[in-house]
């Protein structure tokens, strides 16, 4: 399946360079390994698509109920972060 989503310019550049190899998204669509994620660059300053897009094959998906692991107060106060890593 091909899934198209918008991505802001700063994040698009990080994906294109290979520095960013993940997405943090609400679970409002179905996505599974083997799908192709098409990221269409969107400039939030001009509120318009730039015309650039990039495709990435989905290799892993996990859905998390953050409140199962962390108190709601901590999430509200600090937010959540995604950490990407790879073996050296």
N, C-alpha and C. Protein backbone atom coordinates (compact mmCIF):
# COMPACT_ATOMS: atom_id res chain seq x y z
N UNK A 1 0.84 -1.18 0.00
CA UNK A 1 0.00 0.00 0.00
C UNK A 1 0.89 1.25 0.00
N UNK A 2 0.48 2.28 -0.70
CA UNK A 2 1.15 3.58 -0.70
C UNK A 2 0.36 4.51 0.18
N UNK A 3 1.06 5.15 1.10
CA UNK A 3 0.43 6.06 2.05
C UNK A 3 1.08 7.43 1.87
N UNK A 4 0.28 8.44 1.58
CA UNK A 4 0.81 9.79 1.38
C UNK A 4 0.50 10.65 2.59
N UNK A 5 1.54 11.32 3.08
CA UNK A 5 1.41 12.22 4.22
C UNK A 5 2.24 13.47 3.97
N UNK A 6 1.85 14.57 4.61
CA UNK A 6 2.66 15.78 4.50
C UNK A 6 3.74 15.75 5.56
N UNK A 7 4.85 16.42 5.27
CA UNK A 7 5.95 16.55 6.22
C UNK A 7 6.53 17.95 6.08
N UNK A 8 6.77 18.60 7.20
CA UNK A 8 7.31 19.95 7.17
C UNK A 8 8.73 19.97 6.62
N UNK A 9 9.10 21.09 6.05
CA UNK A 9 10.37 21.26 5.35
C UNK A 9 11.58 20.82 6.17
N UNK A 10 11.68 21.26 7.42
CA UNK A 10 12.85 20.90 8.25
C UNK A 10 12.98 19.39 8.38
N UNK A 11 11.86 18.71 8.59
CA UNK A 11 11.88 17.27 8.76
C UNK A 11 12.12 16.56 7.43
N UNK A 12 11.58 17.12 6.35
CA UNK A 12 11.81 16.56 5.03
C UNK A 12 13.31 16.50 4.72
N UNK A 13 14.00 17.60 4.98
CA UNK A 13 15.44 17.66 4.71
C UNK A 13 16.20 16.63 5.54
N UNK A 14 15.78 16.41 6.78
CA UNK A 14 16.44 15.41 7.63
C UNK A 14 16.21 14.00 7.10
N UNK A 15 15.00 13.72 6.60
CA UNK A 15 14.73 12.40 6.01
C UNK A 15 15.55 12.23 4.73
N UNK A 16 15.56 13.26 3.90
CA UNK A 16 16.28 13.20 2.62
C UNK A 16 17.78 12.97 2.83
N UNK A 17 18.35 13.56 3.88
CA UNK A 17 19.79 13.41 4.15
C UNK A 17 20.12 12.08 4.82
N UNK A 18 19.10 11.41 5.34
CA UNK A 18 19.33 10.14 6.03
C UNK A 18 19.52 10.30 7.53
N UNK A 19 19.51 11.55 8.03
CA UNK A 19 19.66 11.77 9.47
C UNK A 19 18.43 11.32 10.26
N UNK A 20 17.27 11.37 9.65
CA UNK A 20 16.02 11.01 10.32
C UNK A 20 15.43 9.80 9.61
N UNK A 21 15.25 8.72 10.34
CA UNK A 21 14.72 7.49 9.75
C UNK A 21 13.52 6.97 10.53
N UNK A 22 12.65 7.88 10.92
CA UNK A 22 11.43 7.52 11.66
C UNK A 22 10.38 8.59 11.44
N UNK A 23 9.16 8.29 11.77
CA UNK A 23 8.07 9.26 11.80
C UNK A 23 7.30 9.05 13.09
N UNK A 24 6.79 10.10 13.65
CA UNK A 24 5.97 10.07 14.86
C UNK A 24 4.60 10.59 14.44
N UNK A 25 3.62 9.71 14.37
CA UNK A 25 2.31 10.06 13.81
C UNK A 25 1.19 9.53 14.68
N UNK A 26 0.03 10.20 14.66
CA UNK A 26 -1.13 9.62 15.33
C UNK A 26 -1.58 8.36 14.60
N UNK A 27 -2.24 7.49 15.32
CA UNK A 27 -2.69 6.22 14.72
C UNK A 27 -4.06 6.46 14.08
N UNK A 28 -4.08 7.29 13.04
CA UNK A 28 -5.34 7.58 12.34
C UNK A 28 -5.35 6.99 10.93
N UNK A 29 -4.40 6.08 10.66
CA UNK A 29 -4.37 5.38 9.38
C UNK A 29 -3.66 4.05 9.59
N UNK A 30 -3.93 3.10 8.71
CA UNK A 30 -3.31 1.78 8.80
C UNK A 30 -1.96 1.81 8.10
N UNK A 31 -0.96 1.23 8.72
CA UNK A 31 0.38 1.20 8.17
C UNK A 31 1.06 -0.07 8.65
N UNK A 32 1.75 -0.75 7.73
CA UNK A 32 2.42 -2.00 8.12
C UNK A 32 3.72 -2.15 7.34
N UNK A 33 4.64 -2.99 7.85
CA UNK A 33 5.88 -3.22 7.12
C UNK A 33 5.62 -3.65 5.68
N UNK A 34 6.41 -3.10 4.78
CA UNK A 34 6.24 -3.38 3.36
C UNK A 34 5.49 -2.27 2.64
N UNK A 35 4.71 -1.47 3.37
CA UNK A 35 4.03 -0.33 2.76
C UNK A 35 5.06 0.72 2.35
N UNK A 36 4.66 1.61 1.46
CA UNK A 36 5.52 2.72 1.03
C UNK A 36 4.92 4.01 1.58
N UNK A 37 5.73 4.72 2.34
CA UNK A 37 5.31 6.00 2.89
C UNK A 37 5.84 7.10 1.97
N UNK A 38 4.93 7.84 1.38
CA UNK A 38 5.28 8.96 0.50
C UNK A 38 5.12 10.24 1.32
N UNK A 39 6.24 10.92 1.53
CA UNK A 39 6.23 12.15 2.33
C UNK A 39 6.32 13.34 1.40
N UNK A 40 5.26 14.15 1.39
CA UNK A 40 5.18 15.34 0.54
C UNK A 40 5.56 16.57 1.37
N UNK A 41 6.61 17.24 0.93
CA UNK A 41 7.11 18.40 1.68
C UNK A 41 6.08 19.52 1.71
N UNK A 42 5.88 20.06 2.91
CA UNK A 42 4.92 21.13 3.14
C UNK A 42 5.62 22.23 3.94
N UNK A 43 5.52 23.45 3.46
CA UNK A 43 6.13 24.59 4.15
C UNK A 43 5.09 25.25 5.03
N UNK A 44 5.22 25.13 6.36
CA UNK A 44 4.20 25.71 7.24
C UNK A 44 4.19 27.24 7.22
N UNK A 45 5.28 27.86 6.78
CA UNK A 45 5.32 29.33 6.71
C UNK A 45 4.44 29.84 5.58
N UNK A 46 4.53 29.17 4.40
CA UNK A 46 3.73 29.60 3.25
C UNK A 46 2.40 28.86 3.18
N UNK A 47 2.27 27.82 4.02
CA UNK A 47 1.08 26.97 4.04
C UNK A 47 0.80 26.37 2.67
N UNK A 48 1.90 25.87 2.05
CA UNK A 48 1.77 25.28 0.72
C UNK A 48 2.77 24.13 0.55
N UNK A 49 2.39 23.20 -0.30
CA UNK A 49 3.30 22.11 -0.66
C UNK A 49 4.39 22.67 -1.57
N UNK A 50 5.60 22.14 -1.45
CA UNK A 50 6.73 22.63 -2.24
C UNK A 50 6.87 21.91 -3.58
N UNK A 51 6.25 20.74 -3.69
CA UNK A 51 6.39 19.93 -4.90
C UNK A 51 7.41 18.81 -4.75
N UNK A 52 8.19 18.86 -3.67
CA UNK A 52 9.15 17.78 -3.44
C UNK A 52 8.48 16.66 -2.64
N UNK A 53 8.86 15.43 -2.95
CA UNK A 53 8.37 14.29 -2.18
C UNK A 53 9.47 13.25 -2.11
N UNK A 54 9.35 12.38 -1.15
CA UNK A 54 10.32 11.31 -0.95
C UNK A 54 9.57 10.06 -0.52
N UNK A 55 10.03 8.91 -0.99
CA UNK A 55 9.39 7.64 -0.64
C UNK A 55 10.32 6.83 0.24
N UNK A 56 9.73 6.20 1.25
CA UNK A 56 10.48 5.31 2.12
C UNK A 56 9.65 4.05 2.37
N UNK A 57 10.32 2.90 2.33
CA UNK A 57 9.65 1.64 2.62
C UNK A 57 9.53 1.48 4.13
N UNK A 58 8.35 1.14 4.59
CA UNK A 58 8.10 0.95 6.02
C UNK A 58 8.71 -0.39 6.44
N UNK A 59 9.53 -0.35 7.50
CA UNK A 59 10.17 -1.58 7.98
C UNK A 59 9.66 -2.01 9.35
N UNK A 60 9.11 -1.09 10.13
CA UNK A 60 8.65 -1.42 11.48
C UNK A 60 7.59 -0.42 11.90
N UNK A 61 6.55 -0.90 12.57
CA UNK A 61 5.48 -0.05 13.08
C UNK A 61 5.13 -0.53 14.48
N UNK A 62 5.00 0.38 15.41
CA UNK A 62 4.50 0.02 16.73
C UNK A 62 3.50 1.08 17.16
N UNK A 63 2.47 0.66 17.84
CA UNK A 63 1.44 1.58 18.33
C UNK A 63 1.50 1.53 19.85
N UNK A 64 1.53 2.71 20.47
CA UNK A 64 1.74 2.79 21.90
C UNK A 64 0.67 3.64 22.56
N UNK A 65 0.15 3.14 23.66
CA UNK A 65 -0.70 3.93 24.54
C UNK A 65 0.23 4.48 25.61
N UNK A 66 0.70 5.70 25.40
CA UNK A 66 1.73 6.28 26.27
C UNK A 66 1.30 6.31 27.74
N UNK A 67 0.01 6.50 28.00
CA UNK A 67 -0.45 6.58 29.38
C UNK A 67 -0.37 5.23 30.09
N UNK A 68 -0.16 4.17 29.33
CA UNK A 68 0.03 2.86 29.93
C UNK A 68 1.41 2.78 30.59
N UNK A 69 2.35 3.56 30.08
CA UNK A 69 3.73 3.51 30.56
C UNK A 69 4.13 4.72 31.40
N UNK A 70 3.49 5.86 31.16
CA UNK A 70 3.87 7.09 31.84
C UNK A 70 2.63 7.80 32.36
N UNK A 71 2.73 8.45 33.51
CA UNK A 71 1.58 9.19 34.03
C UNK A 71 1.17 10.32 33.08
N UNK A 72 -0.12 10.53 32.97
CA UNK A 72 -0.64 11.58 32.09
C UNK A 72 -0.04 12.95 32.43
N UNK A 73 0.19 13.19 33.72
CA UNK A 73 0.77 14.46 34.15
C UNK A 73 2.17 14.66 33.57
N UNK A 74 2.96 13.60 33.54
CA UNK A 74 4.32 13.69 32.98
C UNK A 74 4.28 13.97 31.49
N UNK A 75 3.36 13.30 30.80
CA UNK A 75 3.23 13.51 29.36
C UNK A 75 2.80 14.95 29.08
N UNK A 76 1.83 15.45 29.86
CA UNK A 76 1.36 16.82 29.67
C UNK A 76 2.46 17.84 29.98
N UNK A 77 3.23 17.56 31.02
CA UNK A 77 4.27 18.51 31.44
C UNK A 77 5.48 18.50 30.52
N UNK A 78 5.94 17.30 30.14
CA UNK A 78 7.19 17.18 29.39
C UNK A 78 7.02 16.83 27.92
N UNK A 79 5.88 16.26 27.54
CA UNK A 79 5.70 15.77 26.19
C UNK A 79 6.38 14.43 26.00
N UNK A 80 6.46 13.97 24.78
CA UNK A 80 7.10 12.71 24.46
C UNK A 80 8.23 12.97 23.48
N UNK A 81 9.20 12.09 23.47
CA UNK A 81 10.26 12.18 22.47
C UNK A 81 10.45 10.82 21.83
N UNK A 82 10.92 10.83 20.61
CA UNK A 82 11.25 9.61 19.89
C UNK A 82 12.77 9.57 19.80
N UNK A 83 13.35 8.45 20.11
CA UNK A 83 14.80 8.30 20.05
C UNK A 83 15.13 7.28 18.98
N UNK A 84 15.94 7.66 18.03
CA UNK A 84 16.37 6.77 16.98
C UNK A 84 17.82 6.38 17.24
N UNK A 85 18.15 5.13 17.01
CA UNK A 85 19.53 4.71 17.22
C UNK A 85 19.86 3.58 16.28
N UNK A 86 21.16 3.30 16.14
CA UNK A 86 21.64 2.22 15.31
C UNK A 86 22.92 1.68 15.94
N UNK A 87 23.24 0.45 15.68
CA UNK A 87 24.48 -0.09 16.22
C UNK A 87 25.68 0.56 15.54
N UNK A 88 26.75 0.72 16.29
CA UNK A 88 27.99 1.28 15.71
C UNK A 88 28.78 0.24 14.97
